[in-house]
Amino acid sequence: MVEQMISLLGAAMILVAYAGQQLKKLQPDKLLYIILNLIGAIILAVVAYRVRQTGLTLVEVSWAAISAFALIRYFQKK
């Protein structure tokens, strides 16, 4: 039950970032957008790994890696 609540939090973070970007409230190169995607993807990757969902684990680890790269680029520009 707790794990499911945590996974819902991770999914919500990614969906908030996506909706914010679609509604022109968040820009993909801004810190909040990057952090929401990174933390959400890490949460979902851990949960997917724990329940042995290989495909979902691959997607979420990739999502987290892309977000981590975006975070590195964000701080390099500053």
PDB file of N, CA and C in Angstrom:
ATOM      1  N   MET A   1       0.820  -1.204   0.000  1.00  0.00           N
ATOM      2  CA  MET A   1       0.000   0.000   0.000  1.00  0.00           C
ATOM      3  C   MET A   1       0.859   1.260   0.000  1.00  0.00           C
ATOM      4  N   VAL A   2       1.888   1.282   0.858  1.00  0.00           N
ATOM      5  CA  VAL A   2       2.776   2.444   0.917  1.00  0.00           C
ATOM      6  C   VAL A   2       3.524   2.603  -0.399  1.00  0.00           C
ATOM      7  N   GLU A   3       3.983   1.471  -0.944  1.00  0.00           N
ATOM      8  CA  GLU A   3       4.712   1.530  -2.214  1.00  0.00           C
ATOM      9  C   GLU A   3       3.832   2.080  -3.333  1.00  0.00           C
ATOM     10  N   GLN A   4       2.564   1.717  -3.321  1.00  0.00           N
ATOM     11  CA  GLN A   4       1.652   2.221  -4.340  1.00  0.00           C
ATOM     12  C   GLN A   4       1.441   3.728  -4.183  1.00  0.00           C
ATOM     13  N   MET A   5       1.348   4.197  -2.960  1.00  0.00           N
ATOM     14  CA  MET A   5       1.206   5.644  -2.717  1.00  0.00           C
ATOM     15  C   MET A   5       2.451   6.388  -3.194  1.00  0.00           C
ATOM     16  N   ILE A   6       3.612   5.807  -2.948  1.00  0.00           N
ATOM     17  CA  ILE A   6       4.863   6.428  -3.389  1.00  0.00           C
ATOM     18  C   ILE A   6       4.920   6.470  -4.914  1.00  0.00           C
ATOM     19  N   SER A   7       4.494   5.383  -5.553  1.00  0.00           N
ATOM     20  CA  SER A   7       4.515   5.369  -7.026  1.00  0.00           C
ATOM     21  C   SER A   7       3.521   6.387  -7.590  1.00  0.00           C
ATOM     22  N   LEU A   8       2.389   6.579  -6.927  1.00  0.00           N
ATOM     23  CA  LEU A   8       1.442   7.605  -7.369  1.00  0.00           C
ATOM     24  C   LEU A   8       2.048   8.998  -7.247  1.00  0.00           C
ATOM     25  N   LEU A   9       2.825   9.227  -6.206  1.00  0.00           N
ATOM     26  CA  LEU A   9       3.523  10.506  -6.054  1.00  0.00           C
ATOM     27  C   LEU A   9       4.497  10.719  -7.212  1.00  0.00           C
ATOM     28  N   GLY A  10       5.271   9.692  -7.548  1.00  0.00           N
ATOM     29  CA  GLY A  10       6.203   9.799  -8.669  1.00  0.00           C
ATOM     30  C   GLY A  10       5.497  10.088  -9.976  1.00  0.00           C
ATOM     31  N   ALA A  11       4.410   9.369 -10.225  1.00  0.00           N
ATOM     32  CA  ALA A  11       3.636   9.596 -11.453  1.00  0.00           C
ATOM     33  C   ALA A  11       3.050  11.001 -11.473  1.00  0.00           C
ATOM     34  N   ALA A  12       2.548  11.455 -10.330  1.00  0.00           N
ATOM     35  CA  ALA A  12       1.969  12.798 -10.249  1.00  0.00           C
ATOM     36  C   ALA A  12       3.018  13.864 -10.561  1.00  0.00           C
ATOM     37  N   MET A  13       4.238  13.656 -10.085  1.00  0.00           N
ATOM     38  CA  MET A  13       5.299  14.636 -10.337  1.00  0.00           C
ATOM     39  C   MET A  13       5.559  14.764 -11.840  1.00  0.00           C
ATOM     40  N   ILE A  14       5.664  13.638 -12.514  1.00  0.00           N
ATOM     41  CA  ILE A  14       5.911  13.658 -13.958  1.00  0.00           C
ATOM     42  C   ILE A  14       4.730  14.279 -14.693  1.00  0.00           C
ATOM     43  N   LEU A  15       3.516  13.929 -14.286  1.00  0.00           N
ATOM     44  CA  LEU A  15       2.328  14.475 -14.943  1.00  0.00           C
ATOM     45  C   LEU A  15       2.172  15.974 -14.706  1.00  0.00           C
ATOM     46  N   VAL A  16       2.520  16.439 -13.522  1.00  0.00           N
ATOM     47  CA  VAL A  16       2.468  17.884 -13.249  1.00  0.00           C
ATOM     48  C   VAL A  16       3.460  18.615 -14.152  1.00  0.00           C
ATOM     49  N   ALA A  17       4.663  18.063 -14.299  1.00  0.00           N
ATOM     50  CA  ALA A  17       5.656  18.686 -15.176  1.00  0.00           C
ATOM     51  C   ALA A  17       5.144  18.730 -16.617  1.00  0.00           C
ATOM     52  N   TYR A  18       4.602  17.613 -17.077  1.00  0.00           N
ATOM     53  CA  TYR A  18       4.111  17.547 -18.455  1.00  0.00           C
ATOM     54  C   TYR A  18       2.935  18.502 -18.680  1.00  0.00           C
ATOM     55  N   ALA A  19       1.976  18.474 -17.778  1.00  0.00           N
ATOM     56  CA  ALA A  19       0.818  19.363 -17.905  1.00  0.00           C
ATOM     57  C   ALA A  19       1.251  20.824 -17.838  1.00  0.00           C
ATOM     58  N   GLY A  20       2.166  21.132 -16.935  1.00  0.00           N
ATOM     59  CA  GLY A  20       2.665  22.501 -16.824  1.00  0.00           C
ATOM     60  C   GLY A  20       3.327  22.971 -18.101  1.00  0.00           C
ATOM     61  N   GLN A  21       4.064  22.079 -18.732  1.00  0.00           N
ATOM     62  CA  GLN A  21       4.728  22.432 -19.991  1.00  0.00           C
ATOM     63  C   GLN A  21       3.693  22.609 -21.102  1.00  0.00           C
ATOM     64  N   GLN A  22       2.712  21.725 -21.166  1.00  0.00           N
ATOM     65  CA  GLN A  22       1.679  21.815 -22.193  1.00  0.00           C
ATOM     66  C   GLN A  22       0.821  23.068 -22.034  1.00  0.00           C
ATOM     67  N   LEU A  23       0.600  23.481 -20.798  1.00  0.00           N
ATOM     68  CA  LEU A  23      -0.208  24.672 -20.521  1.00  0.00           C
ATOM     69  C   LEU A  23       0.621  25.953 -20.488  1.00  0.00           C
ATOM     70  N   LYS A  24       1.901  25.830 -20.870  1.00  0.00           N
ATOM     71  CA  LYS A  24       2.815  26.979 -20.926  1.00  0.00           C
ATOM     72  C   LYS A  24       3.071  27.612 -19.549  1.00  0.00           C
ATOM     73  N   LYS A  25       2.963  26.802 -18.488  1.00  0.00           N
ATOM     74  CA  LYS A  25       3.238  27.281 -17.133  1.00  0.00           C
ATOM     75  C   LYS A  25       4.651  26.907 -16.695  1.00  0.00           C
ATOM     76  N   LEU A  26       5.207  25.852 -17.286  1.00  0.00           N
ATOM     77  CA  LEU A  26       6.577  25.405 -16.998  1.00  0.00           C
ATOM     78  C   LEU A  26       7.331  25.281 -18.315  1.00  0.00           C
ATOM     79  N   GLN A  27       8.582  25.694 -18.287  1.00  0.00           N
ATOM     80  CA  GLN A  27       9.433  25.561 -19.462  1.00  0.00           C
ATOM     81  C   GLN A  27      10.385  24.380 -19.257  1.00  0.00           C
ATOM     82  N   PRO A  28      10.627  23.581 -20.303  1.00  0.00           N
ATOM     83  CA  PRO A  28      11.473  22.399 -20.163  1.00  0.00           C
ATOM     84  C   PRO A  28      12.908  22.681 -19.707  1.00  0.00           C
ATOM     85  N   ASP A  29      13.364  23.911 -19.853  1.00  0.00           N
ATOM     86  CA  ASP A  29      14.728  24.222 -19.450  1.00  0.00           C
ATOM     87  C   ASP A  29      14.794  24.881 -18.065  1.00  0.00           C
ATOM     88  N   LYS A  30      13.699  24.872 -17.325  1.00  0.00           N
ATOM     89  CA  LYS A  30      13.658  25.470 -15.989  1.00  0.00           C
ATOM     90  C   LYS A  30      13.860  24.401 -14.925  1.00  0.00           C
ATOM     91  N   LEU A  31      14.397  24.800 -13.802  1.00  0.00           N
ATOM     92  CA  LEU A  31      14.783  23.873 -12.743  1.00  0.00           C
ATOM     93  C   LEU A  31      13.600  23.066 -12.212  1.00  0.00           C
ATOM     94  N   LEU A  32      12.461  23.679 -11.965  1.00  0.00           N
ATOM     95  CA  LEU A  32      11.319  22.957 -11.407  1.00  0.00           C
ATOM     96  C   LEU A  32      10.878  21.821 -12.327  1.00  0.00           C
ATOM     97  N   TYR A  33      10.803  22.091 -13.607  1.00  0.00           N
ATOM     98  CA  TYR A  33      10.417  21.064 -14.583  1.00  0.00           C
ATOM     99  C   TYR A  33      11.392  19.888 -14.549  1.00  0.00           C
ATOM    100  N   ILE A  34      12.676  20.199 -14.541  1.00  0.00           N
ATOM    101  CA  ILE A  34      13.710  19.159 -14.542  1.00  0.00           C
ATOM    102  C   ILE A  34      13.645  18.341 -13.258  1.00  0.00           C
ATOM    103  N   ILE A  35      13.519  19.002 -12.114  1.00  0.00           N
ATOM    104  CA  ILE A  35      13.482  18.314 -10.824  1.00  0.00           C
ATOM    105  C   ILE A  35      12.250  17.414 -10.713  1.00  0.00           C
ATOM    106  N   LEU A  36      11.092  17.911 -11.136  1.00  0.00           N
ATOM    107  CA  LEU A  36       9.877  17.084 -11.096  1.00  0.00           C
ATOM    108  C   LEU A  36      10.060  15.812 -11.923  1.00  0.00           C
ATOM    109  N   ASN A  37      10.614  15.942 -13.107  1.00  0.00           N
ATOM    110  CA  ASN A  37      10.849  14.774 -13.956  1.00  0.00           C
ATOM    111  C   ASN A  37      11.884  13.836 -13.349  1.00  0.00           C
ATOM    112  N   LEU A  38      12.968  14.377 -12.838  1.00  0.00           N
ATOM    113  CA  LEU A  38      14.039  13.552 -12.290  1.00  0.00           C
ATOM    114  C   LEU A  38      13.561  12.761 -11.071  1.00  0.00           C
ATOM    115  N   ILE A  39      12.983  13.431 -10.106  1.00  0.00           N
ATOM    116  CA  ILE A  39      12.552  12.749  -8.883  1.00  0.00           C
ATOM    117  C   ILE A  39      11.409  11.781  -9.183  1.00  0.00           C
ATOM    118  N   GLY A  40      10.461  12.210  -9.998  1.00  0.00           N
ATOM    119  CA  GLY A  40       9.365  11.317 -10.371  1.00  0.00           C
ATOM    120  C   GLY A  40       9.859  10.054 -11.059  1.00  0.00           C
ATOM    121  N   ALA A  41      10.790  10.205 -11.980  1.00  0.00           N
ATOM    122  CA  ALA A  41      11.330   9.054 -12.709  1.00  0.00           C
ATOM    123  C   ALA A  41      12.130   8.136 -11.790  1.00  0.00           C
ATOM    124  N   ILE A  42      12.897   8.703 -10.873  1.00  0.00           N
ATOM    125  CA  ILE A  42      13.660   7.872  -9.929  1.00  0.00           C
ATOM    126  C   ILE A  42      12.704   7.058  -9.064  1.00  0.00           C
ATOM    127  N   ILE A  43      11.671   7.700  -8.557  1.00  0.00           N
ATOM    128  CA  ILE A  43      10.686   6.990  -7.727  1.00  0.00           C
ATOM    129  C   ILE A  43      10.072   5.830  -8.517  1.00  0.00           C
ATOM    130  N   LEU A  44       9.610   6.114  -9.726  1.00  0.00           N
ATOM    131  CA  LEU A  44       8.966   5.071 -10.523  1.00  0.00           C
ATOM    132  C   LEU A  44       9.953   3.986 -10.940  1.00  0.00           C
ATOM    133  N   ALA A  45      11.203   4.340 -11.188  1.00  0.00           N
ATOM    134  CA  ALA A  45      12.215   3.341 -11.543  1.00  0.00           C
ATOM    135  C   ALA A  45      12.452   2.376 -10.384  1.00  0.00           C
ATOM    136  N   VAL A  46      12.549   2.905  -9.181  1.00  0.00           N
ATOM    137  CA  VAL A  46      12.776   2.053  -8.009  1.00  0.00           C
ATOM    138  C   VAL A  46      11.585   1.119  -7.794  1.00  0.00           C
ATOM    139  N   VAL A  47      10.391   1.661  -7.879  1.00  0.00           N
ATOM    140  CA  VAL A  47       9.193   0.837  -7.688  1.00  0.00           C
ATOM    141  C   VAL A  47       9.110  -0.230  -8.777  1.00  0.00           C
ATOM    142  N   ALA A  48       9.345   0.139 -10.026  1.00  0.00           N
ATOM    143  CA  ALA A  48       9.297  -0.821 -11.134  1.00  0.00           C
ATOM    144  C   ALA A  48      10.348  -1.915 -10.962  1.00  0.00           C
ATOM    145  N   TYR A  49      11.530  -1.536 -10.514  1.00  0.00           N
ATOM    146  CA  TYR A  49      12.590  -2.514 -10.283  1.00  0.00           C
ATOM    147  C   TYR A  49      12.196  -3.499  -9.183  1.00  0.00           C
ATOM    148  N   ARG A  50      11.611  -2.966  -8.123  1.00  0.00           N
ATOM    149  CA  ARG A  50      11.230  -3.810  -6.986  1.00  0.00           C
ATOM    150  C   ARG A  50      10.174  -4.851  -7.354  1.00  0.00           C
ATOM    151  N   VAL A  51       9.302  -4.520  -8.291  1.00  0.00           N
ATOM    152  CA  VAL A  51       8.265  -5.480  -8.707  1.00  0.00           C
ATOM    153  C   VAL A  51       8.651  -6.201 -10.000  1.00  0.00           C
ATOM    154  N   ARG A  52       9.906  -6.054 -10.378  1.00  0.00           N
ATOM    155  CA  ARG A  52      10.486  -6.760 -11.522  1.00  0.00           C
ATOM    156  C   ARG A  52       9.746  -6.493 -12.846  1.00  0.00           C
ATOM    157  N   GLN A  53       9.469  -5.219 -13.088  1.00  0.00           N
ATOM    158  CA  GLN A  53       8.871  -4.791 -14.348  1.00  0.00           C
ATOM    159  C   GLN A  53       9.992  -4.250 -15.236  1.00  0.00           C
ATOM    160  N   THR A  54      10.613  -5.125 -15.993  1.00  0.00           N
ATOM    161  CA  THR A  54      11.814  -4.789 -16.747  1.00  0.00           C
ATOM    162  C   THR A  54      11.596  -3.653 -17.734  1.00  0.00           C
ATOM    163  N   GLY A  55      10.540  -3.712 -18.508  1.00  0.00           N
ATOM    164  CA  GLY A  55      10.289  -2.662 -19.502  1.00  0.00           C
ATOM    165  C   GLY A  55      10.078  -1.303 -18.857  1.00  0.00           C
ATOM    166  N   LEU A  56       9.260  -1.274 -17.824  1.00  0.00           N
ATOM    167  CA  LEU A  56       9.000  -0.011 -17.130  1.00  0.00           C
ATOM    168  C   LEU A  56      10.257   0.504 -16.432  1.00  0.00           C
ATOM    169  N   THR A  57      11.040  -0.418 -15.884  1.00  0.00           N
ATOM    170  CA  THR A  57      12.309  -0.015 -15.258  1.00  0.00           C
ATOM    171  C   THR A  57      13.207   0.654 -16.292  1.00  0.00           C
ATOM    172  N   LEU A  58      13.307   0.075 -17.471  1.00  0.00           N
ATOM    173  CA  LEU A  58      14.135   0.649 -18.537  1.00  0.00           C
ATOM    174  C   LEU A  58      13.653   2.045 -18.921  1.00  0.00           C
ATOM    175  N   VAL A  59      12.348   2.207 -19.075  1.00  0.00           N
ATOM    176  CA  VAL A  59      11.799   3.507 -19.443  1.00  0.00           C
ATOM    177  C   VAL A  59      12.114   4.541 -18.354  1.00  0.00           C
ATOM    178  N   GLU A  60      11.871   4.189 -17.101  1.00  0.00           N
ATOM    179  CA  GLU A  60      12.041   5.147 -16.015  1.00  0.00           C
ATOM    180  C   GLU A  60      13.510   5.458 -15.734  1.00  0.00           C
ATOM    181  N   VAL A  61      14.388   4.472 -15.852  1.00  0.00           N
ATOM    182  CA  VAL A  61      15.823   4.741 -15.695  1.00  0.00           C
ATOM    183  C   VAL A  61      16.294   5.660 -16.817  1.00  0.00           C
ATOM    184  N   SER A  62      15.808   5.419 -18.027  1.00  0.00           N
ATOM    185  CA  SER A  62      16.162   6.293 -19.156  1.00  0.00           C
ATOM    186  C   SER A  62      15.633   7.706 -18.923  1.00  0.00           C
ATOM    187  N   TRP A  63      14.400   7.819 -18.445  1.00  0.00           N
ATOM    188  CA  TRP A  63      13.787   9.120 -18.166  1.00  0.00           C
ATOM    189  C   TRP A  63      14.608   9.860 -17.108  1.00  0.00           C
ATOM    190  N   ALA A  64      15.010   9.139 -16.081  1.00  0.00           N
ATOM    191  CA  ALA A  64      15.823   9.746 -15.018  1.00  0.00           C
ATOM    192  C   ALA A  64      17.191  10.177 -15.548  1.00  0.00           C
ATOM    193  N   ALA A  65      17.793   9.353 -16.399  1.00  0.00           N
ATOM    194  CA  ALA A  65      19.101   9.698 -16.958  1.00  0.00           C
ATOM    195  C   ALA A  65      19.011  10.943 -17.840  1.00  0.00           C
ATOM    196  N   ILE A  66      17.984  11.024 -18.661  1.00  0.00           N
ATOM    197  CA  ILE A  66      17.794  12.202 -19.509  1.00  0.00           C
ATOM    198  C   ILE A  66      17.572  13.440 -18.647  1.00  0.00           C
ATOM    199  N   SER A  67      16.783  13.285 -17.596  1.00  0.00           N
ATOM    200  CA  SER A  67      16.528  14.403 -16.686  1.00  0.00           C
ATOM    201  C   SER A  67      17.798  14.811 -15.940  1.00  0.00           C
ATOM    202  N   ALA A  68      18.606  13.838 -15.564  1.00  0.00           N
ATOM    203  CA  ALA A  68      19.871  14.142 -14.887  1.00  0.00           C
ATOM    204  C   ALA A  68      20.803  14.911 -15.832  1.00  0.00           C
ATOM    205  N   PHE A  69      20.826  14.506 -17.093  1.00  0.00           N
ATOM    206  CA  PHE A  69      21.629  15.223 -18.085  1.00  0.00           C
ATOM    207  C   PHE A  69      21.131  16.662 -18.231  1.00  0.00           C
ATOM    208  N   ALA A  70      19.807  16.839 -18.250  1.00  0.00           N
ATOM    209  CA  ALA A  70      19.230  18.189 -18.339  1.00  0.00           C
ATOM    210  C   ALA A  70      19.600  19.017 -17.109  1.00  0.00           C
ATOM    211  N   LEU A  71      19.636  18.384 -15.945  1.00  0.00           N
ATOM    212  CA  LEU A  71      20.021  19.084 -14.721  1.00  0.00           C
ATOM    213  C   LEU A  71      21.484  19.524 -14.776  1.00  0.00           C
ATOM    214  N   ILE A  72      22.335  18.665 -15.268  1.00  0.00           N
ATOM    215  CA  ILE A  72      23.755  19.016 -15.430  1.00  0.00           C
ATOM    216  C   ILE A  72      23.891  20.194 -16.386  1.00  0.00           C
ATOM    217  N   ARG A  73      23.187  20.139 -17.512  1.00  0.00           N
ATOM    218  CA  ARG A  73      23.228  21.258 -18.477  1.00  0.00           C
ATOM    219  C   ARG A  73      22.699  22.546 -17.855  1.00  0.00           C
ATOM    220  N   TYR A  74      21.659  22.432 -17.052  1.00  0.00           N
ATOM    221  CA  TYR A  74      21.083  23.603 -16.382  1.00  0.00           C
ATOM    222  C   TYR A  74      22.142  24.296 -15.531  1.00  0.00           C
ATOM    223  N   PHE A  75      22.865  23.515 -14.737  1.00  0.00           N
ATOM    224  CA  PHE A  75      23.861  24.117 -13.852  1.00  0.00           C
ATOM    225  C   PHE A  75      25.118  24.562 -14.594  1.00  0.00           C
ATOM    226  N   GLN A  76      25.423  23.947 -15.718  1.00  0.00           N
ATOM    227  CA  GLN A  76      26.555  24.402 -16.524  1.00  0.00           C
ATOM    228  C   GLN A  76      26.287  25.785 -17.131  1.00  0.00           C
ATOM    229  N   LYS A  77      25.028  26.068 -17.432  1.00  0.00           N
ATOM    230  CA  LYS A  77      24.670  27.371 -17.997  1.00  0.00           C
ATOM    231  C   LYS A  77      24.718  28.487 -16.969  1.00  0.00           C
ATOM    232  N   LYS A  78      24.585  28.127 -15.694  1.00  0.00           N
ATOM    233  CA  LYS A  78      24.550  29.144 -14.624  1.00  0.00           C
ATOM    234  C   LYS A  78      25.919  29.635 -14.275  1.00  0.00           C
TER     235      LYS A  78
END
